[in-house]
Amino acid sequence: MSPHASSTLRALRAVPDPVRDVIDLLARRLPRDTDTRVVLDFLEDDLREGLSAIADVEAHFTDVLDALRAEDTTAQELLATAEDLEVLRRLEYLLNVAAQLRRRVHQAARRLTTSAAVSGPRRARASRPAG
């Protein structure tokens, strides 16, 4: 492998991916079987799709803010920005993804509970004094 290729590979690995990181962390805590892999794959997809939809909705609101802020925006341009119906479609999609995400997290939690029961009790965390 050339020095340039290896530095490019290192740079690619250095890009933070919080979704991948959390899926990897969770995978270490769950049973290593096909069902777990399927749940984790769907969970990762739901997280990525939900975050993408949120980014699209945020972009729409930023566009509206920018249009309202601009002194040279015409009434027609302002209305066109506000009437972007794509944001409503993305919000509807976000609702669906959030429901799927909820279901996937429940599936992962059940597998986590089953995994913990199989591996035996864990040491309890020190409880905080009531305050």
N, C-alpha and C. Protein backbone atom coordinates (compact mmCIF):
# COMPACT_ATOMS: atom_id res chain seq x y z
N MET A 1 0.86 -1.17 0.00
CA MET A 1 0.00 0.00 0.00
C MET A 1 0.90 1.24 0.00
N SER A 2 0.57 2.19 -0.82
CA SER A 2 1.39 3.39 -0.93
C SER A 2 1.22 4.25 0.32
N PRO A 3 2.18 5.10 0.64
CA PRO A 3 2.06 5.99 1.80
C PRO A 3 0.83 6.89 1.69
N HIS A 4 0.53 7.34 0.47
CA HIS A 4 -0.64 8.20 0.29
C HIS A 4 -1.93 7.43 0.60
N ALA A 5 -2.01 6.20 0.13
CA ALA A 5 -3.21 5.37 0.36
C ALA A 5 -3.39 5.10 1.84
N SER A 6 -2.30 4.80 2.55
CA SER A 6 -2.44 4.51 3.98
C SER A 6 -2.82 5.76 4.76
N SER A 7 -2.33 6.93 4.36
CA SER A 7 -2.73 8.15 5.06
C SER A 7 -4.19 8.48 4.78
N THR A 8 -4.65 8.20 3.56
CA THR A 8 -6.05 8.40 3.23
C THR A 8 -6.92 7.46 4.04
N LEU A 9 -6.50 6.23 4.19
CA LEU A 9 -7.24 5.26 4.98
C LEU A 9 -7.32 5.70 6.44
N ARG A 10 -6.20 6.18 6.98
CA ARG A 10 -6.21 6.68 8.37
C ARG A 10 -7.15 7.86 8.50
N ALA A 11 -7.16 8.75 7.52
CA ALA A 11 -8.04 9.91 7.57
C ALA A 11 -9.50 9.49 7.53
N LEU A 12 -9.82 8.49 6.73
CA LEU A 12 -11.19 8.00 6.68
C LEU A 12 -11.62 7.40 8.01
N ARG A 13 -10.74 6.69 8.65
CA ARG A 13 -11.05 6.11 9.96
C ARG A 13 -11.22 7.18 11.03
N ALA A 14 -10.58 8.33 10.84
CA ALA A 14 -10.63 9.38 11.84
C ALA A 14 -11.92 10.18 11.81
N VAL A 15 -12.71 10.03 10.73
CA VAL A 15 -13.98 10.76 10.64
C VAL A 15 -14.93 10.19 11.69
N PRO A 16 -15.42 11.04 12.58
CA PRO A 16 -16.31 10.54 13.63
C PRO A 16 -17.64 10.06 13.05
N ASP A 17 -18.11 8.96 13.55
CA ASP A 17 -19.40 8.40 13.15
C ASP A 17 -20.10 7.93 14.43
N PRO A 18 -20.80 8.85 15.10
CA PRO A 18 -21.42 8.49 16.38
C PRO A 18 -22.44 7.37 16.27
N VAL A 19 -23.12 7.27 15.14
CA VAL A 19 -24.10 6.19 14.97
C VAL A 19 -23.37 4.85 14.93
N ARG A 20 -22.33 4.76 14.12
CA ARG A 20 -21.56 3.51 14.04
C ARG A 20 -20.94 3.18 15.40
N ASP A 21 -20.43 4.20 16.09
CA ASP A 21 -19.82 3.98 17.41
C ASP A 21 -20.82 3.40 18.40
N VAL A 22 -22.02 3.94 18.43
CA VAL A 22 -23.01 3.45 19.40
C VAL A 22 -23.49 2.04 19.03
N ILE A 23 -23.62 1.77 17.74
CA ILE A 23 -24.02 0.43 17.30
C ILE A 23 -22.93 -0.58 17.69
N ASP A 24 -21.67 -0.21 17.49
CA ASP A 24 -20.57 -1.10 17.88
C ASP A 24 -20.54 -1.35 19.39
N LEU A 25 -20.78 -0.30 20.16
CA LEU A 25 -20.83 -0.45 21.63
C LEU A 25 -21.97 -1.39 22.04
N LEU A 26 -23.12 -1.18 21.45
CA LEU A 26 -24.28 -2.02 21.77
C LEU A 26 -24.05 -3.45 21.34
N ALA A 27 -23.42 -3.65 20.18
CA ALA A 27 -23.17 -5.00 19.68
C ALA A 27 -22.31 -5.81 20.65
N ARG A 28 -21.40 -5.14 21.33
CA ARG A 28 -20.54 -5.85 22.30
C ARG A 28 -21.32 -6.31 23.52
N ARG A 29 -22.47 -5.71 23.76
CA ARG A 29 -23.28 -6.06 24.94
C ARG A 29 -24.39 -7.07 24.64
N LEU A 30 -24.60 -7.36 23.36
CA LEU A 30 -25.70 -8.24 22.97
C LEU A 30 -25.16 -9.59 22.52
N PRO A 31 -26.04 -10.61 22.51
CA PRO A 31 -25.61 -11.92 22.01
C PRO A 31 -25.15 -11.81 20.56
N ARG A 32 -24.15 -12.60 20.22
CA ARG A 32 -23.62 -12.57 18.84
C ARG A 32 -24.36 -13.61 18.01
N ASP A 33 -25.49 -13.20 17.44
CA ASP A 33 -26.25 -14.10 16.58
C ASP A 33 -26.90 -13.31 15.46
N THR A 34 -27.54 -14.00 14.57
CA THR A 34 -28.13 -13.38 13.39
C THR A 34 -29.23 -12.39 13.78
N ASP A 35 -30.06 -12.75 14.75
CA ASP A 35 -31.14 -11.85 15.16
C ASP A 35 -30.60 -10.53 15.67
N THR A 36 -29.53 -10.58 16.44
CA THR A 36 -28.93 -9.35 16.95
C THR A 36 -28.42 -8.50 15.80
N ARG A 37 -27.73 -9.13 14.84
CA ARG A 37 -27.19 -8.38 13.71
C ARG A 37 -28.31 -7.69 12.93
N VAL A 38 -29.43 -8.38 12.75
CA VAL A 38 -30.56 -7.80 12.02
C VAL A 38 -31.13 -6.60 12.79
N VAL A 39 -31.32 -6.76 14.10
CA VAL A 39 -31.84 -5.67 14.93
C VAL A 39 -30.89 -4.48 14.86
N LEU A 40 -29.59 -4.73 14.98
CA LEU A 40 -28.61 -3.64 14.96
C LEU A 40 -28.57 -2.95 13.60
N ASP A 41 -28.69 -3.72 12.52
CA ASP A 41 -28.71 -3.11 11.18
C ASP A 41 -29.91 -2.18 11.02
N PHE A 42 -31.08 -2.65 11.43
CA PHE A 42 -32.28 -1.82 11.34
C PHE A 42 -32.18 -0.60 12.26
N LEU A 43 -31.65 -0.80 13.46
CA LEU A 43 -31.48 0.29 14.41
C LEU A 43 -30.55 1.37 13.81
N GLU A 44 -29.46 0.94 13.22
CA GLU A 44 -28.53 1.88 12.59
C GLU A 44 -29.22 2.64 11.45
N ASP A 45 -29.96 1.92 10.62
CA ASP A 45 -30.69 2.57 9.51
C ASP A 45 -31.68 3.60 10.05
N ASP A 46 -32.44 3.23 11.08
CA ASP A 46 -33.43 4.15 11.64
C ASP A 46 -32.77 5.40 12.21
N LEU A 47 -31.66 5.22 12.91
CA LEU A 47 -30.94 6.38 13.45
C LEU A 47 -30.47 7.31 12.33
N ARG A 48 -29.86 6.73 11.31
CA ARG A 48 -29.35 7.55 10.21
C ARG A 48 -30.48 8.25 9.45
N GLU A 49 -31.56 7.52 9.18
CA GLU A 49 -32.68 8.10 8.44
C GLU A 49 -33.37 9.20 9.26
N GLY A 50 -33.51 8.97 10.55
CA GLY A 50 -34.12 9.98 11.41
C GLY A 50 -33.27 11.24 11.49
N LEU A 51 -31.98 11.07 11.66
CA LEU A 51 -31.08 12.23 11.71
C LEU A 51 -31.08 12.99 10.38
N SER A 52 -31.17 12.27 9.28
CA SER A 52 -31.23 12.91 7.96
C SER A 52 -32.52 13.73 7.82
N ALA A 53 -33.63 13.16 8.26
CA ALA A 53 -34.91 13.89 8.18
C ALA A 53 -34.88 15.13 9.06
N ILE A 54 -34.29 15.01 10.24
CA ILE A 54 -34.17 16.17 11.13
C ILE A 54 -33.32 17.26 10.46
N ALA A 55 -32.24 16.86 9.82
CA ALA A 55 -31.38 17.84 9.13
C ALA A 55 -32.15 18.54 8.01
N ASP A 56 -32.99 17.81 7.30
CA ASP A 56 -33.80 18.42 6.23
C ASP A 56 -34.80 19.42 6.79
N VAL A 57 -35.42 19.07 7.91
CA VAL A 57 -36.38 19.98 8.54
C VAL A 57 -35.65 21.22 9.05
N GLU A 58 -34.49 21.01 9.65
CA GLU A 58 -33.70 22.15 10.13
C GLU A 58 -33.31 23.05 8.96
N ALA A 59 -32.93 22.46 7.84
CA ALA A 59 -32.55 23.25 6.67
C ALA A 59 -33.72 24.10 6.18
N HIS A 60 -34.92 23.54 6.22
CA HIS A 60 -36.10 24.30 5.81
C HIS A 60 -36.29 25.52 6.71
N PHE A 61 -36.19 25.32 8.02
CA PHE A 61 -36.36 26.43 8.95
C PHE A 61 -35.26 27.48 8.76
N THR A 62 -34.07 27.03 8.46
CA THR A 62 -32.97 27.96 8.18
C THR A 62 -33.27 28.76 6.92
N ASP A 63 -33.81 28.10 5.89
CA ASP A 63 -34.19 28.80 4.66
C ASP A 63 -35.25 29.87 4.95
N VAL A 64 -36.22 29.54 5.78
CA VAL A 64 -37.27 30.51 6.12
C VAL A 64 -36.65 31.68 6.89
N LEU A 65 -35.78 31.38 7.84
CA LEU A 65 -35.11 32.45 8.58
C LEU A 65 -34.32 33.36 7.64
N ASP A 66 -33.58 32.74 6.74
CA ASP A 66 -32.77 33.52 5.78
C ASP A 66 -33.67 34.40 4.91
N ALA A 67 -34.79 33.86 4.47
CA ALA A 67 -35.70 34.64 3.63
C ALA A 67 -36.31 35.79 4.42
N LEU A 68 -36.64 35.55 5.67
CA LEU A 68 -37.21 36.62 6.50
C LEU A 68 -36.17 37.69 6.82
N ARG A 69 -34.93 37.26 6.95
CA ARG A 69 -33.84 38.17 7.31
C ARG A 69 -33.41 39.05 6.13
N ALA A 70 -33.51 38.54 4.93
CA ALA A 70 -33.02 39.27 3.75
C ALA A 70 -33.93 40.47 3.45
N GLU A 71 -33.31 41.61 3.30
CA GLU A 71 -34.08 42.83 3.06
C GLU A 71 -34.65 42.90 1.64
N ASP A 72 -34.04 42.15 0.72
CA ASP A 72 -34.48 42.22 -0.67
C ASP A 72 -35.41 41.07 -1.07
N THR A 73 -35.87 40.27 -0.11
CA THR A 73 -36.78 39.16 -0.42
C THR A 73 -38.15 39.72 -0.79
N THR A 74 -38.66 39.25 -1.90
CA THR A 74 -40.00 39.68 -2.31
C THR A 74 -41.05 38.84 -1.57
N ALA A 75 -42.27 39.34 -1.57
CA ALA A 75 -43.36 38.61 -0.94
C ALA A 75 -43.53 37.24 -1.58
N GLN A 76 -43.39 37.18 -2.88
CA GLN A 76 -43.53 35.92 -3.61
C GLN A 76 -42.43 34.92 -3.20
N GLU A 77 -41.19 35.40 -3.08
CA GLU A 77 -40.09 34.53 -2.66
C GLU A 77 -40.31 34.03 -1.23
N LEU A 78 -40.79 34.93 -0.39
CA LEU A 78 -41.06 34.56 1.00
C LEU A 78 -42.14 33.49 1.08
N LEU A 79 -43.20 33.67 0.33
CA LEU A 79 -44.28 32.67 0.30
C LEU A 79 -43.79 31.34 -0.26
N ALA A 80 -42.99 31.40 -1.31
CA ALA A 80 -42.47 30.17 -1.92
C ALA A 80 -41.60 29.40 -0.92
N THR A 81 -40.82 30.12 -0.15
CA THR A 81 -39.98 29.46 0.86
C THR A 81 -40.85 28.79 1.91
N ALA A 82 -41.86 29.49 2.38
CA ALA A 82 -42.73 28.95 3.42
C ALA A 82 -43.61 27.81 2.91
N GLU A 83 -43.93 27.82 1.62
CA GLU A 83 -44.82 26.82 1.04
C GLU A 83 -44.11 25.55 0.58
N ASP A 84 -42.86 25.39 0.93
CA ASP A 84 -42.12 24.18 0.55
C ASP A 84 -42.76 22.99 1.27
N LEU A 85 -43.52 22.21 0.54
CA LEU A 85 -44.25 21.10 1.14
C LEU A 85 -43.36 19.89 1.44
N GLU A 86 -42.14 19.90 0.93
CA GLU A 86 -41.20 18.81 1.20
C GLU A 86 -40.95 18.68 2.70
N VAL A 87 -40.95 19.79 3.42
CA VAL A 87 -40.71 19.73 4.86
C VAL A 87 -41.82 18.93 5.56
N LEU A 88 -43.04 19.05 5.09
CA LEU A 88 -44.14 18.29 5.68
C LEU A 88 -43.98 16.79 5.41
N ARG A 89 -43.52 16.48 4.20
CA ARG A 89 -43.26 15.07 3.87
C ARG A 89 -42.16 14.51 4.76
N ARG A 90 -41.10 15.30 4.97
CA ARG A 90 -39.99 14.84 5.82
C ARG A 90 -40.43 14.70 7.28
N LEU A 91 -41.30 15.58 7.75
CA LEU A 91 -41.82 15.47 9.12
C LEU A 91 -42.66 14.20 9.28
N GLU A 92 -43.48 13.92 8.29
CA GLU A 92 -44.28 12.70 8.32
C GLU A 92 -43.37 11.47 8.33
N TYR A 93 -42.34 11.52 7.49
CA TYR A 93 -41.37 10.42 7.46
C TYR A 93 -40.66 10.29 8.80
N LEU A 94 -40.32 11.43 9.40
CA LEU A 94 -39.65 11.41 10.71
C LEU A 94 -40.53 10.75 11.76
N LEU A 95 -41.82 11.01 11.72
CA LEU A 95 -42.74 10.34 12.65
C LEU A 95 -42.70 8.82 12.47
N ASN A 96 -42.70 8.38 11.24
CA ASN A 96 -42.63 6.93 10.97
C ASN A 96 -41.30 6.34 11.45
N VAL A 97 -40.21 7.04 11.16
CA VAL A 97 -38.90 6.55 11.57
C VAL A 97 -38.79 6.52 13.10
N ALA A 98 -39.35 7.53 13.76
CA ALA A 98 -39.31 7.57 15.23
C ALA A 98 -40.07 6.38 15.82
N ALA A 99 -41.19 6.01 15.21
CA ALA A 99 -41.95 4.84 15.68
C ALA A 99 -41.15 3.56 15.46
N GLN A 100 -40.49 3.46 14.29
CA GLN A 100 -39.65 2.28 14.03
C GLN A 100 -38.46 2.24 15.00
N LEU A 101 -37.86 3.39 15.24
CA LEU A 101 -36.72 3.47 16.15
C LEU A 101 -37.13 2.99 17.55
N ARG A 102 -38.29 3.42 17.98
CA ARG A 102 -38.80 2.99 19.29
C ARG A 102 -38.91 1.47 19.35
N ARG A 103 -39.45 0.89 18.30
CA ARG A 103 -39.61 -0.57 18.25
C ARG A 103 -38.24 -1.26 18.26
N ARG A 104 -37.30 -0.74 17.50
CA ARG A 104 -35.96 -1.35 17.45
C ARG A 104 -35.24 -1.25 18.79
N VAL A 105 -35.38 -0.11 19.46
CA VAL A 105 -34.75 0.04 20.77
C VAL A 105 -35.35 -0.95 21.76
N HIS A 106 -36.65 -1.16 21.68
CA HIS A 106 -37.29 -2.17 22.53
C HIS A 106 -36.73 -3.56 22.24
N GLN A 107 -36.55 -3.87 20.95
CA GLN A 107 -35.98 -5.18 20.58
C GLN A 107 -34.57 -5.32 21.12
N ALA A 108 -33.77 -4.29 21.00
CA ALA A 108 -32.40 -4.33 21.52
C ALA A 108 -32.40 -4.46 23.03
N ALA A 109 -33.30 -3.75 23.69
CA ALA A 109 -33.37 -3.82 25.16
C ALA A 109 -33.76 -5.22 25.62
N ARG A 110 -34.69 -5.85 24.92
CA ARG A 110 -35.06 -7.23 25.29
C ARG A 110 -33.87 -8.17 25.12
N ARG A 111 -33.11 -7.99 24.06
CA ARG A 111 -31.94 -8.83 23.83
C ARG A 111 -30.87 -8.54 24.88
N LEU A 112 -30.76 -7.28 25.29
CA LEU A 112 -29.80 -6.89 26.32
C LEU A 112 -30.18 -7.54 27.65
N THR A 113 -31.46 -7.53 27.97
CA THR A 113 -31.95 -8.14 29.20
C THR A 113 -31.70 -9.65 29.17
N THR A 114 -31.99 -10.28 28.03
CA THR A 114 -31.77 -11.71 27.88
C THR A 114 -30.29 -12.02 27.98
N SER A 115 -29.46 -11.22 27.35
CA SER A 115 -28.02 -11.41 27.38
C SER A 115 -27.49 -11.28 28.80
N ALA A 116 -27.99 -10.30 29.55
CA ALA A 116 -27.54 -10.09 30.92
C ALA A 116 -27.95 -11.26 31.80
N ALA A 117 -29.15 -11.80 31.57
CA ALA A 117 -29.62 -12.93 32.37
C ALA A 117 -28.78 -14.17 32.10
N VAL A 118 -28.35 -14.36 30.86
CA VAL A 118 -27.56 -15.52 30.49
C VAL A 118 -26.14 -15.40 31.05
N SER A 119 -25.57 -14.20 31.01
CA SER A 119 -24.19 -14.03 31.45
C SER A 119 -24.07 -13.89 32.95
N GLY A 120 -25.17 -13.79 33.64
CA GLY A 120 -25.12 -13.70 35.09
C GLY A 120 -25.26 -12.27 35.57
N PRO A 121 -25.38 -12.12 36.87
CA PRO A 121 -25.59 -10.77 37.41
C PRO A 121 -24.34 -9.91 37.25
N ARG A 122 -24.58 -8.64 37.07
CA ARG A 122 -23.48 -7.67 37.00
C ARG A 122 -23.38 -6.98 38.35
N ARG A 123 -22.22 -6.43 38.59
CA ARG A 123 -22.08 -5.67 39.83
C ARG A 123 -22.96 -4.45 39.75
N ALA A 124 -23.67 -4.20 40.82
CA ALA A 124 -24.55 -3.05 40.84
C ALA A 124 -23.73 -1.76 40.96
N ARG A 125 -24.24 -0.71 40.38
CA ARG A 125 -23.60 0.58 40.51
C ARG A 125 -23.85 1.09 41.92
N ALA A 126 -22.92 1.88 42.39
CA ALA A 126 -23.11 2.48 43.70
C ALA A 126 -24.28 3.45 43.61
N SER A 127 -25.20 3.32 44.54
CA SER A 127 -26.37 4.20 44.49
C SER A 127 -26.02 5.55 45.08
N ARG A 128 -26.68 6.55 44.56
CA ARG A 128 -26.46 7.90 45.05
C ARG A 128 -27.32 8.12 46.29
N PRO A 129 -26.81 8.86 47.24
CA PRO A 129 -27.65 9.17 48.39
C PRO A 129 -28.82 10.04 47.98
N ALA A 130 -29.95 9.81 48.58
CA ALA A 130 -31.13 10.62 48.28
C ALA A 130 -30.87 12.04 48.73
N GLY A 131 -31.29 12.95 47.92
CA GLY A 131 -30.94 14.31 48.29
C GLY A 131 -31.94 15.23 47.87
